[in-house]
Amino acid sequence: MRLKFNPTPFSESLRATREARKVSMRTLALHIGVSVCRLSEIERGFGEAPTPEEEKKIREWIGGGNAE
């Protein structure tokens, strides 16, 4: 069975922003309150879509939040 990844504009923006800010997945995951595995799923568009609470925290961080 082959896994399907469907990155969305949201997930691509999350990853690009995280990489541009040089923030590790672990640091960001701790900041928004999810596991590294969950953050990876969100960034790659794999598994369940972000919950409303996850999405809110991520959007706040993308908009200028600090996780360093």
PDB file of N, CA and C in Angstrom:
ATOM      1  N   MET A   1       0.840  -1.179   0.000  1.00  0.00           N
ATOM      2  CA  MET A   1       0.000   0.000   0.000  1.00  0.00           C
ATOM      3  C   MET A   1       0.890   1.249   0.000  1.00  0.00           C
ATOM      4  N   ARG A   2       0.578   2.171  -0.848  1.00  0.00           N
ATOM      5  CA  ARG A   2       1.349   3.399  -0.975  1.00  0.00           C
ATOM      6  C   ARG A   2       0.649   4.534  -0.228  1.00  0.00           C
ATOM      7  N   LEU A   3       1.408   5.292   0.552  1.00  0.00           N
ATOM      8  CA  LEU A   3       0.845   6.408   1.302  1.00  0.00           C
ATOM      9  C   LEU A   3       0.650   7.604   0.385  1.00  0.00           C
ATOM     10  N   LYS A   4      -0.461   8.308   0.590  1.00  0.00           N
ATOM     11  CA  LYS A   4      -0.740   9.503  -0.198  1.00  0.00           C
ATOM     12  C   LYS A   4      -0.544  10.738   0.648  1.00  0.00           C
ATOM     13  N   PHE A   5       0.196  11.660   0.099  1.00  0.00           N
ATOM     14  CA  PHE A   5       0.404  12.936   0.743  1.00  0.00           C
ATOM     15  C   PHE A   5      -0.278  14.000  -0.090  1.00  0.00           C
ATOM     16  N   ASN A   6      -1.053  14.832   0.549  1.00  0.00           N
ATOM     17  CA  ASN A   6      -1.781  15.886  -0.145  1.00  0.00           C
ATOM     18  C   ASN A   6      -1.547  17.222   0.556  1.00  0.00           C
ATOM     19  N   PRO A   7      -0.356  17.789   0.372  1.00  0.00           N
ATOM     20  CA  PRO A   7      -0.109  19.078   1.012  1.00  0.00           C
ATOM     21  C   PRO A   7      -1.102  20.129   0.513  1.00  0.00           C
ATOM     22  N   THR A   8      -1.564  20.941   1.423  1.00  0.00           N
ATOM     23  CA  THR A   8      -2.484  22.028   1.096  1.00  0.00           C
ATOM     24  C   THR A   8      -1.704  23.338   1.123  1.00  0.00           C
ATOM     25  N   PRO A   9      -2.279  24.411   0.619  1.00  0.00           N
ATOM     26  CA  PRO A   9      -1.589  25.698   0.742  1.00  0.00           C
ATOM     27  C   PRO A   9      -1.270  26.028   2.210  1.00  0.00           C
ATOM     28  N   PHE A  10      -2.170  25.670   3.120  1.00  0.00           N
ATOM     29  CA  PHE A  10      -1.939  25.897   4.547  1.00  0.00           C
ATOM     30  C   PHE A  10      -0.718  25.117   5.028  1.00  0.00           C
ATOM     31  N   SER A  11      -0.652  23.833   4.700  1.00  0.00           N
ATOM     32  CA  SER A  11       0.467  23.010   5.169  1.00  0.00           C
ATOM     33  C   SER A  11       1.783  23.447   4.528  1.00  0.00           C
ATOM     34  N   GLU A  12       1.741  23.834   3.272  1.00  0.00           N
ATOM     35  CA  GLU A  12       2.950  24.311   2.605  1.00  0.00           C
ATOM     36  C   GLU A  12       3.432  25.626   3.220  1.00  0.00           C
ATOM     37  N   SER A  13       2.490  26.499   3.569  1.00  0.00           N
ATOM     38  CA  SER A  13       2.834  27.764   4.207  1.00  0.00           C
ATOM     39  C   SER A  13       3.447  27.522   5.583  1.00  0.00           C
ATOM     40  N   LEU A  14       2.883  26.578   6.316  1.00  0.00           N
ATOM     41  CA  LEU A  14       3.410  26.231   7.633  1.00  0.00           C
ATOM     42  C   LEU A  14       4.862  25.777   7.519  1.00  0.00           C
ATOM     43  N   ARG A  15       5.111  24.849   6.642  1.00  0.00           N
ATOM     44  CA  ARG A  15       6.473  24.316   6.501  1.00  0.00           C
ATOM     45  C   ARG A  15       7.445  25.388   6.024  1.00  0.00           C
ATOM     46  N   ALA A  16       7.039  26.161   5.022  1.00  0.00           N
ATOM     47  CA  ALA A  16       7.917  27.209   4.498  1.00  0.00           C
ATOM     48  C   ALA A  16       8.242  28.247   5.573  1.00  0.00           C
ATOM     49  N   THR A  17       7.254  28.623   6.361  1.00  0.00           N
ATOM     50  CA  THR A  17       7.468  29.605   7.423  1.00  0.00           C
ATOM     51  C   THR A  17       8.386  29.042   8.498  1.00  0.00           C
ATOM     52  N   ARG A  18       8.144  27.800   8.887  1.00  0.00           N
ATOM     53  CA  ARG A  18       8.975  27.171   9.916  1.00  0.00           C
ATOM     54  C   ARG A  18      10.427  27.088   9.461  1.00  0.00           C
ATOM     55  N   GLU A  19      10.629  26.655   8.223  1.00  0.00           N
ATOM     56  CA  GLU A  19      11.990  26.535   7.701  1.00  0.00           C
ATOM     57  C   GLU A  19      12.655  27.904   7.551  1.00  0.00           C
ATOM     58  N   ALA A  20      11.916  28.902   7.085  1.00  0.00           N
ATOM     59  CA  ALA A  20      12.473  30.246   6.920  1.00  0.00           C
ATOM     60  C   ALA A  20      12.889  30.843   8.261  1.00  0.00           C
ATOM     61  N   ARG A  21      12.140  30.526   9.307  1.00  0.00           N
ATOM     62  CA  ARG A  21      12.474  31.033  10.650  1.00  0.00           C
ATOM     63  C   ARG A  21      13.498  30.154  11.363  1.00  0.00           C
ATOM     64  N   LYS A  22      13.879  29.071  10.693  1.00  0.00           N
ATOM     65  CA  LYS A  22      14.856  28.131  11.261  1.00  0.00           C
ATOM     66  C   LYS A  22      14.402  27.589  12.617  1.00  0.00           C
ATOM     67  N   VAL A  23      13.135  27.235  12.671  1.00  0.00           N
ATOM     68  CA  VAL A  23      12.557  26.646  13.877  1.00  0.00           C
ATOM     69  C   VAL A  23      12.443  25.144  13.660  1.00  0.00           C
ATOM     70  N   SER A  24      12.922  24.370  14.600  1.00  0.00           N
ATOM     71  CA  SER A  24      12.840  22.913  14.465  1.00  0.00           C
ATOM     72  C   SER A  24      11.399  22.439  14.637  1.00  0.00           C
ATOM     73  N   MET A  25      11.142  21.267  14.103  1.00  0.00           N
ATOM     74  CA  MET A  25       9.801  20.688  14.265  1.00  0.00           C
ATOM     75  C   MET A  25       9.503  20.471  15.745  1.00  0.00           C
ATOM     76  N   ARG A  26      10.502  20.044  16.490  1.00  0.00           N
ATOM     77  CA  ARG A  26      10.304  19.781  17.916  1.00  0.00           C
ATOM     78  C   ARG A  26       9.919  21.056  18.665  1.00  0.00           C
ATOM     79  N   THR A  27      10.632  22.143  18.382  1.00  0.00           N
ATOM     80  CA  THR A  27      10.349  23.419  19.048  1.00  0.00           C
ATOM     81  C   THR A  27       8.945  23.906  18.727  1.00  0.00           C
ATOM     82  N   LEU A  28       8.575  23.858  17.453  1.00  0.00           N
ATOM     83  CA  LEU A  28       7.246  24.319  17.072  1.00  0.00           C
ATOM     84  C   LEU A  28       6.167  23.404  17.640  1.00  0.00           C
ATOM     85  N   ALA A  29       6.396  22.107  17.600  1.00  0.00           N
ATOM     86  CA  ALA A  29       5.411  21.164  18.151  1.00  0.00           C
ATOM     87  C   ALA A  29       5.156  21.458  19.627  1.00  0.00           C
ATOM     88  N   LEU A  30       6.216  21.696  20.386  1.00  0.00           N
ATOM     89  CA  LEU A  30       6.054  22.032  21.803  1.00  0.00           C
ATOM     90  C   LEU A  30       5.284  23.340  21.963  1.00  0.00           C
ATOM     91  N   HIS A  31       5.587  24.309  21.126  1.00  0.00           N
ATOM     92  CA  HIS A  31       4.943  25.627  21.198  1.00  0.00           C
ATOM     93  C   HIS A  31       3.433  25.538  20.957  1.00  0.00           C
ATOM     94  N   ILE A  32       3.032  24.731  19.980  1.00  0.00           N
ATOM     95  CA  ILE A  32       1.603  24.664  19.659  1.00  0.00           C
ATOM     96  C   ILE A  32       0.891  23.506  20.353  1.00  0.00           C
ATOM     97  N   GLY A  33       1.639  22.675  21.082  1.00  0.00           N
ATOM     98  CA  GLY A  33       1.014  21.635  21.893  1.00  0.00           C
ATOM     99  C   GLY A  33       0.635  20.366  21.156  1.00  0.00           C
ATOM    100  N   VAL A  34       1.443  19.980  20.160  1.00  0.00           N
ATOM    101  CA  VAL A  34       1.205  18.719  19.449  1.00  0.00           C
ATOM    102  C   VAL A  34       2.503  17.918  19.433  1.00  0.00           C
ATOM    103  N   SER A  35       2.407  16.659  19.068  1.00  0.00           N
ATOM    104  CA  SER A  35       3.614  15.845  18.939  1.00  0.00           C
ATOM    105  C   SER A  35       4.335  16.190  17.641  1.00  0.00           C
ATOM    106  N   VAL A  36       5.611  15.836  17.582  1.00  0.00           N
ATOM    107  CA  VAL A  36       6.382  16.045  16.359  1.00  0.00           C
ATOM    108  C   VAL A  36       5.756  15.251  15.214  1.00  0.00           C
ATOM    109  N   CYS A  37       5.297  14.040  15.518  1.00  0.00           N
ATOM    110  CA  CYS A  37       4.647  13.214  14.483  1.00  0.00           C
ATOM    111  C   CYS A  37       3.406  13.909  13.931  1.00  0.00           C
ATOM    112  N   ARG A  38       2.623  14.504  14.814  1.00  0.00           N
ATOM    113  CA  ARG A  38       1.402  15.196  14.376  1.00  0.00           C
ATOM    114  C   ARG A  38       1.752  16.409  13.518  1.00  0.00           C
ATOM    115  N   LEU A  39       2.747  17.168  13.937  1.00  0.00           N
ATOM    116  CA  LEU A  39       3.158  18.331  13.149  1.00  0.00           C
ATOM    117  C   LEU A  39       3.636  17.894  11.769  1.00  0.00           C
ATOM    118  N   SER A  40       4.378  16.809  11.707  1.00  0.00           N
ATOM    119  CA  SER A  40       4.844  16.278  10.429  1.00  0.00           C
ATOM    120  C   SER A  40       3.672  15.898   9.535  1.00  0.00           C
ATOM    121  N   GLU A  41       2.674  15.252  10.104  1.00  0.00           N
ATOM    122  CA  GLU A  41       1.473  14.891   9.324  1.00  0.00           C
ATOM    123  C   GLU A  41       0.806  16.129   8.755  1.00  0.00           C
ATOM    124  N   ILE A  42       0.680  17.166   9.573  1.00  0.00           N
ATOM    125  CA  ILE A  42       0.029  18.400   9.115  1.00  0.00           C
ATOM    126  C   ILE A  42       0.838  19.031   7.986  1.00  0.00           C
ATOM    127  N   GLU A  43       2.155  19.113   8.173  1.00  0.00           N
ATOM    128  CA  GLU A  43       3.005  19.726   7.142  1.00  0.00           C
ATOM    129  C   GLU A  43       2.975  18.966   5.824  1.00  0.00           C
ATOM    130  N   ARG A  44       2.877  17.658   5.885  1.00  0.00           N
ATOM    131  CA  ARG A  44       2.917  16.841   4.663  1.00  0.00           C
ATOM    132  C   ARG A  44       1.531  16.600   4.070  1.00  0.00           C
ATOM    133  N   GLY A  45       0.485  17.011   4.771  1.00  0.00           N
ATOM    134  CA  GLY A  45      -0.862  16.765   4.270  1.00  0.00           C
ATOM    135  C   GLY A  45      -1.239  15.301   4.362  1.00  0.00           C
ATOM    136  N   PHE A  46      -0.807  14.659   5.429  1.00  0.00           N
ATOM    137  CA  PHE A  46      -1.056  13.243   5.625  1.00  0.00           C
ATOM    138  C   PHE A  46      -1.913  13.058   6.867  1.00  0.00           C
ATOM    139  N   GLY A  47      -2.865  12.147   6.799  1.00  0.00           N
ATOM    140  CA  GLY A  47      -3.709  11.894   7.967  1.00  0.00           C
ATOM    141  C   GLY A  47      -4.841  12.899   8.072  1.00  0.00           C
ATOM    142  N   GLU A  48      -5.272  13.081   9.297  1.00  0.00           N
ATOM    143  CA  GLU A  48      -6.398  13.979   9.561  1.00  0.00           C
ATOM    144  C   GLU A  48      -6.004  15.445   9.367  1.00  0.00           C
ATOM    145  N   ALA A  49      -6.973  16.230   8.953  1.00  0.00           N
ATOM    146  CA  ALA A  49      -6.765  17.673   8.850  1.00  0.00           C
ATOM    147  C   ALA A  49      -6.560  18.233  10.258  1.00  0.00           C
ATOM    148  N   PRO A  50      -5.901  19.376  10.374  1.00  0.00           N
ATOM    149  CA  PRO A  50      -5.721  19.965  11.704  1.00  0.00           C
ATOM    150  C   PRO A  50      -7.069  20.243  12.356  1.00  0.00           C
ATOM    151  N   THR A  51      -7.125  20.042  13.662  1.00  0.00           N
ATOM    152  CA  THR A  51      -8.338  20.398  14.401  1.00  0.00           C
ATOM    153  C   THR A  51      -8.463  21.914  14.390  1.00  0.00           C
ATOM    154  N   PRO A  52      -9.648  22.444  14.681  1.00  0.00           N
ATOM    155  CA  PRO A  52      -9.777  23.909  14.736  1.00  0.00           C
ATOM    156  C   PRO A  52      -8.788  24.546  15.726  1.00  0.00           C
ATOM    157  N   GLU A  53      -8.557  23.904  16.854  1.00  0.00           N
ATOM    158  CA  GLU A  53      -7.616  24.445  17.840  1.00  0.00           C
ATOM    159  C   GLU A  53      -6.177  24.404  17.317  1.00  0.00           C
ATOM    160  N   GLU A  54      -5.788  23.297  16.680  1.00  0.00           N
ATOM    161  CA  GLU A  54      -4.452  23.210  16.089  1.00  0.00           C
ATOM    162  C   GLU A  54      -4.267  24.275  15.022  1.00  0.00           C
ATOM    163  N   GLU A  55      -5.259  24.407  14.170  1.00  0.00           N
ATOM    164  CA  GLU A  55      -5.166  25.386  13.086  1.00  0.00           C
ATOM    165  C   GLU A  55      -5.059  26.803  13.636  1.00  0.00           C
ATOM    166  N   LYS A  56      -5.828  27.101  14.676  1.00  0.00           N
ATOM    167  CA  LYS A  56      -5.777  28.436  15.281  1.00  0.00           C
ATOM    168  C   LYS A  56      -4.378  28.734  15.813  1.00  0.00           C
ATOM    169  N   LYS A  57      -3.799  27.787  16.551  1.00  0.00           N
ATOM    170  CA  LYS A  57      -2.464  27.994  17.109  1.00  0.00           C
ATOM    171  C   LYS A  57      -1.421  28.144  16.008  1.00  0.00           C
ATOM    172  N   ILE A  58      -1.537  27.351  14.957  1.00  0.00           N
ATOM    173  CA  ILE A  58      -0.591  27.423  13.845  1.00  0.00           C
ATOM    174  C   ILE A  58      -0.723  28.759  13.121  1.00  0.00           C
ATOM    175  N   ARG A  59      -1.953  29.181  12.850  1.00  0.00           N
ATOM    176  CA  ARG A  59      -2.161  30.465  12.158  1.00  0.00           C
ATOM    177  C   ARG A  59      -1.625  31.630  12.984  1.00  0.00           C
ATOM    178  N   GLU A  60      -1.807  31.572  14.302  1.00  0.00           N
ATOM    179  CA  GLU A  60      -1.262  32.623  15.169  1.00  0.00           C
ATOM    180  C   GLU A  60       0.257  32.647  15.065  1.00  0.00           C
ATOM    181  N   TRP A  61       0.874  31.463  15.051  1.00  0.00           N
ATOM    182  CA  TRP A  61       2.328  31.401  14.944  1.00  0.00           C
ATOM    183  C   TRP A  61       2.799  31.905  13.585  1.00  0.00           C
ATOM    184  N   ILE A  62       2.137  31.494  12.517  1.00  0.00           N
ATOM    185  CA  ILE A  62       2.506  31.968  11.174  1.00  0.00           C
ATOM    186  C   ILE A  62       2.396  33.483  11.102  1.00  0.00           C
ATOM    187  N   GLY A  63       1.369  34.019  11.746  1.00  0.00           N
ATOM    188  CA  GLY A  63       1.135  35.460  11.712  1.00  0.00           C
ATOM    189  C   GLY A  63       2.115  36.289  12.522  1.00  0.00           C
ATOM    190  N   GLY A  64       3.052  35.653  13.155  1.00  0.00           N
ATOM    191  CA  GLY A  64       4.059  36.423  13.881  1.00  0.00           C
ATOM    192  C   GLY A  64       4.393  35.877  15.252  1.00  0.00           C
ATOM    193  N   GLY A  65       3.833  34.735  15.573  1.00  0.00           N
ATOM    194  CA  GLY A  65       4.118  34.136  16.875  1.00  0.00           C
ATOM    195  C   GLY A  65       5.581  33.812  17.025  1.00  0.00           C
ATOM    196  N   ASN A  66       5.986  33.528  18.248  1.00  0.00           N
ATOM    197  CA  ASN A  66       7.395  33.284  18.530  1.00  0.00           C
ATOM    198  C   ASN A  66       7.558  31.905  19.122  1.00  0.00           C
ATOM    199  N   ALA A  67       8.350  31.066  18.485  1.00  0.00           N
ATOM    200  CA  ALA A  67       8.660  29.730  19.005  1.00  0.00           C
ATOM    201  C   ALA A  67      10.136  29.473  18.780  1.00  0.00           C
ATOM    202  N   GLU A  68      10.960  30.102  19.571  1.00  0.00           N
ATOM    203  CA  GLU A  68      12.412  29.960  19.376  1.00  0.00           C
ATOM    204  C   GLU A  68      13.089  29.463  20.600  1.00  0.00           C
TER     205      GLU A  68
END
